[in-house]
Amino acid sequence: MRASICVLGPLLAKRGKAIVSIPGGCAIGDRPVDLHLRGLEKLGAHFRTENGNIVGEVRGRLKGCRMYLGGALGPTVLGTINVMCAAALAEGETILVGAACEPEVSDCANMLNKMGARIQGHGTPEIRIDGVDRLSGTEHRVIPDRIECGTFMIAAAITNGDLELKHCNLDHLIAVTDRLDEVGVRTTRENGTVFVSAARRINPVEMTTQPYPGFPTDLQAQLMALLCLADGISVITERIFPDRFLHVGELNRMGARIRKEGPTAIIQGVRELQGASVMASDLRASAALVLAGLVAKGRTRIDRVYHIDRGYEKIEQKLMAVGAQIERVKENKASVSMTAAVA
């Protein structure tokens, strides 16, 4: 799991030593953890690798400092969270410049503050942390998953359907609703419930993935599936993970017309997609293929959907509850597939 790296900072701050497997995650391009290690090293940690593990140690207590956390492709969300957690128990003040602004960073900071941490500026590129000696337990409700919500919004759009989504924070999806509005998807909010409806005609759009509050890279594949059916040519440029286009070939197997040019995909809309046997390469590609399968003519079989469980809880059951014809097929321990057809 990519997220396993997030225990590194808290363990170093609390126990003075951590042994964490070098993380994997989806095959979407190079995802090094150098920014995590560099930030923790500036707090006083020392690292080495042994047998595929990252071994970190601290002599004494971590010490706060001012540091820059940005990288070649922009801020690091998990890196910001990792260093922020460690700095909460460091001695003195830590200032993170170039920090990620994603809602998940702010949510983590809010929880830490409930536990006794002293963190300011979360949600901005500069976070200030005054280290404390100890943290205490607390109760905290995690924010809704904006990527899951965005995926279901696109599901409504691609099937020309209507959905009612509860516990969805549209304030975290401002760039997504902006692009969907151009596509022809209407979203309204009433008393915490979001209503999504789509026009019959899908308009082409241009979109570039960017750090928050820009369009999230984790919804790029899903939007591409939708734009395969647009009335015209759409352009998607991937600025976060330039190699995150493995789903293009699978969508083309279903009748899409997509051409890659470096970090850009050019999508010529078609009248309909055709059911086919396709293979999921990563978490969000899985979701995109499921959405395409819901609207494709005939039956679609998606292999290696174990990826999808890393980001969605029982997605097939939720889609079945709103009328989709979809089922999970377990043929053996090494093969898990989904089949989807037009409802």
Foldseek 3Di string as FASTA:
>chain_A
DCLQCLVQLLCCQPPQKDKTAQDDAFPLADDHCVLLVVLQVVQAKDWDDDPRIIIIGHDPHGAADEDERADPLAADASSLSSSQNNQQAGAAKHKYARHALAVQSVLSVVQQVQQPWDWPDRNHRIIMTGHDNDGHDDDGDHQDDQLVVLLVLLLQALLQHKDKDARHDCVQVVQSVVVVVQQAWDWDDDPRIIIIGGDPAGAAEEAEDDGPPGHHPLCQLQVLLSNLAHQAKHKYFYSRRLRRPPLVVVQVVQVWDWDDDRRMIITGHDNATAADEGEQRAQSSLSNVQSNQQGHADKHKYKPNVRNVVPDDPVVVVVVVVPWDKDWDDPDPVIIMMMTHHD
